[in-house]
Amino acid sequence: MAEPEERDAPAAPVVRPAPHRWLWYALGGGLPARHRGWVLHDTTTTTWWARHIARVLVQMSIPIGLVMVLLPASWELRAAVAGGGIFLALIYSLAYMPETTENRVVKAGYPAGTATARREHAAHLRDLRDGERRRAANARRAARYRDRTGR
């Protein structure tokens, strides 16, 4: 797996794509090189999983819309078919979520494994901060206990 970029190395600027470019990106297309930093941000931020689900729902909007309009059946059956399709799409999408986001990062020009390495590094830093916070809270509780009991 690729290591996250060095901290001293300048990061690519995060340039958010225009709505039409984001729609193309959500449907699986690539973005211009100036959006390279945004793609890495999109796939490594703390809400990367919600962003992935939003992209899947955008991808599913076209076939679901066609089913709802063109299927010669009652509205209840159309809605049931659409709901089943969304359910199956979400199951498959969630099963392959890390691979799909890695593919987007590779398409943006980063080495394979960059997004996973960044997410793991961020999780490690969060764990370190949480551990330090818990140790400080335990020390405060121990000090209060010593003050109350006189030990």
Protein backbone atom coordinates (compact mmCIF):
# COMPACT_ATOMS: atom_id res chain seq x y z
CA MET A 1 0.00 0.00 0.00
CA ALA A 2 1.08 3.51 -0.59
CA GLU A 3 2.13 5.66 2.30
CA PRO A 4 0.36 8.97 2.81
CA GLU A 5 2.21 11.95 1.44
CA GLU A 6 4.84 13.47 3.69
CA ARG A 7 3.63 16.20 6.00
CA ASP A 8 6.25 18.63 4.70
CA ALA A 9 5.27 18.03 1.06
CA PRO A 10 2.80 20.59 -0.28
CA ALA A 11 -0.62 19.02 -0.67
CA ALA A 12 -2.58 19.46 -3.87
CA PRO A 13 -5.06 22.33 -3.50
CA VAL A 14 -8.63 21.29 -2.81
CA VAL A 15 -10.62 22.78 -5.70
CA ARG A 16 -14.27 21.76 -5.55
CA PRO A 17 -15.69 20.81 -8.96
CA ALA A 18 -18.65 22.62 -10.48
CA PRO A 19 -22.01 20.85 -10.17
CA HIS A 20 -21.93 19.46 -13.71
CA ARG A 21 -18.40 18.11 -13.16
CA TRP A 22 -19.42 16.59 -9.82
CA LEU A 23 -22.34 14.88 -11.54
CA TRP A 24 -19.94 13.45 -14.11
CA TYR A 25 -17.61 12.36 -11.27
CA ALA A 26 -20.52 10.76 -9.39
CA LEU A 27 -21.44 8.80 -12.52
CA GLY A 28 -17.87 7.42 -12.68
CA GLY A 29 -16.13 9.93 -14.90
CA GLY A 30 -12.77 11.50 -14.24
CA LEU A 31 -12.13 15.10 -13.25
CA PRO A 32 -9.51 17.49 -14.60
CA ALA A 33 -6.11 17.54 -12.88
CA ARG A 34 -6.91 20.73 -10.93
CA HIS A 35 -9.49 18.74 -8.90
CA ARG A 36 -6.94 16.08 -7.93
CA GLY A 37 -6.68 17.31 -4.33
CA TRP A 38 -10.45 17.42 -3.97
CA VAL A 39 -10.77 13.79 -5.11
CA LEU A 40 -8.31 12.74 -2.41
CA HIS A 41 -10.18 14.85 0.14
CA ASP A 42 -13.52 13.42 -1.01
CA THR A 43 -12.33 9.85 -0.50
CA THR A 44 -10.44 10.36 2.78
CA THR A 45 -12.46 12.85 4.83
CA THR A 46 -14.36 11.61 7.87
CA THR A 47 -17.59 11.55 5.82
CA TRP A 48 -16.11 9.59 2.91
CA TRP A 49 -18.61 6.77 3.39
CA ALA A 50 -21.61 9.15 3.23
CA ARG A 51 -20.17 10.78 0.12
CA HIS A 52 -19.81 7.34 -1.44
CA ILE A 53 -23.45 6.53 -0.69
CA ALA A 54 -24.53 9.86 -2.21
CA ARG A 55 -22.60 9.02 -5.39
CA VAL A 56 -24.27 5.59 -5.53
CA LEU A 57 -27.72 7.13 -5.16
CA VAL A 58 -26.94 9.55 -7.99
CA GLN A 59 -25.82 6.61 -10.14
CA MET A 60 -29.01 4.75 -9.34
CA SER A 61 -31.28 7.72 -10.08
CA ILE A 62 -31.20 7.11 -13.84
CA PRO A 63 -32.23 3.42 -13.87
CA ILE A 64 -34.71 3.94 -11.04
CA GLY A 65 -36.27 6.85 -12.91
CA LEU A 66 -36.55 4.71 -16.04
CA VAL A 67 -38.16 1.88 -14.07
CA MET A 68 -40.65 4.26 -12.51
CA VAL A 69 -41.58 5.77 -15.89
CA LEU A 70 -41.35 2.86 -18.33
CA LEU A 71 -42.33 -0.27 -16.38
CA PRO A 72 -45.85 -1.28 -17.45
CA ALA A 73 -47.18 -2.05 -13.99
CA SER A 74 -48.96 -0.44 -11.09
CA TRP A 75 -47.22 2.30 -9.11
CA GLU A 76 -46.94 -0.01 -6.11
CA LEU A 77 -45.06 -2.62 -8.13
CA ARG A 78 -42.85 0.05 -9.71
CA ALA A 79 -41.99 1.40 -6.27
CA ALA A 80 -41.26 -2.12 -4.97
CA VAL A 81 -38.96 -2.84 -7.93
CA ALA A 82 -37.22 0.52 -7.47
CA GLY A 83 -36.80 -0.07 -3.74
CA GLY A 84 -35.38 -3.54 -4.33
CA GLY A 85 -32.97 -2.16 -6.90
CA ILE A 86 -31.76 0.56 -4.54
CA PHE A 87 -31.40 -1.99 -1.74
CA LEU A 88 -29.29 -4.36 -3.88
CA ALA A 89 -27.22 -1.49 -5.26
CA LEU A 90 -26.45 -0.28 -1.75
CA ILE A 91 -25.46 -3.77 -0.60
CA TYR A 92 -23.01 -4.21 -3.49
CA SER A 93 -21.78 -0.65 -3.17
CA LEU A 94 -21.07 -1.00 0.54
CA ALA A 95 -19.34 -4.33 -0.01
CA TYR A 96 -16.89 -2.78 -2.48
CA MET A 97 -16.67 0.72 -1.00
CA PRO A 98 -12.89 0.80 -0.28
CA GLU A 99 -12.04 -0.58 -3.72
CA THR A 100 -14.34 1.87 -5.47
CA THR A 101 -12.87 4.86 -3.67
CA GLU A 102 -9.34 3.63 -4.39
CA ASN A 103 -10.26 3.42 -8.07
CA ARG A 104 -11.36 7.08 -7.97
CA VAL A 105 -8.07 8.09 -6.35
CA VAL A 106 -6.05 6.14 -8.92
CA LYS A 107 -8.08 7.77 -11.69
CA ALA A 108 -7.09 11.15 -10.19
CA GLY A 109 -3.41 10.24 -10.51
CA TYR A 110 -2.49 8.98 -7.04
CA PRO A 111 -0.87 5.59 -6.42
CA ALA A 112 -3.14 2.71 -5.48
CA GLY A 113 -3.65 2.49 -1.74
CA THR A 114 -3.27 6.21 -1.07
CA ALA A 115 -6.84 6.76 0.17
CA THR A 116 -6.79 3.72 2.44
CA ALA A 117 -3.42 4.72 3.87
CA ARG A 118 -4.67 8.26 4.52
CA ARG A 119 -7.82 7.02 6.24
CA GLU A 120 -5.83 4.57 8.37
CA HIS A 121 -3.32 7.29 9.31
CA ALA A 122 -6.15 9.66 10.28
CA ALA A 123 -7.79 6.89 12.34
CA HIS A 124 -4.49 6.24 14.10
CA LEU A 125 -4.12 9.93 14.95
CA ARG A 126 -7.72 10.00 16.25
CA ASP A 127 -6.99 6.96 18.40
CA LEU A 128 -3.90 8.65 19.82
CA ARG A 129 -5.87 11.82 20.63
CA ASP A 130 -8.70 9.81 22.17
CA GLY A 131 -6.25 7.80 24.26
CA GLU A 132 -4.60 10.97 25.52
CA ARG A 133 -8.01 12.45 26.33
CA ARG A 134 -9.01 9.31 28.23
CA ARG A 135 -5.72 9.27 30.17
CA ALA A 136 -6.22 12.92 31.15
CA ALA A 137 -9.81 12.22 32.24
CA ASN A 138 -8.64 9.22 34.30
CA ALA A 139 -5.95 11.36 35.93
CA ARG A 140 -8.55 14.02 36.84
CA ARG A 141 -10.86 11.38 38.31
CA ALA A 142 -7.99 9.86 40.29
CA ALA A 143 -7.04 13.31 41.63
CA ARG A 144 -10.65 13.98 42.68
CA TYR A 145 -10.75 10.60 44.40
CA ARG A 146 -7.48 11.30 46.23
CA ASP A 147 -8.78 14.72 47.30
CA ARG A 148 -12.04 13.26 48.65
CA THR A 149 -10.52 10.31 50.46
CA GLY A 150 -7.33 12.02 51.60
CA ARG A 151 -5.11 9.27 50.22
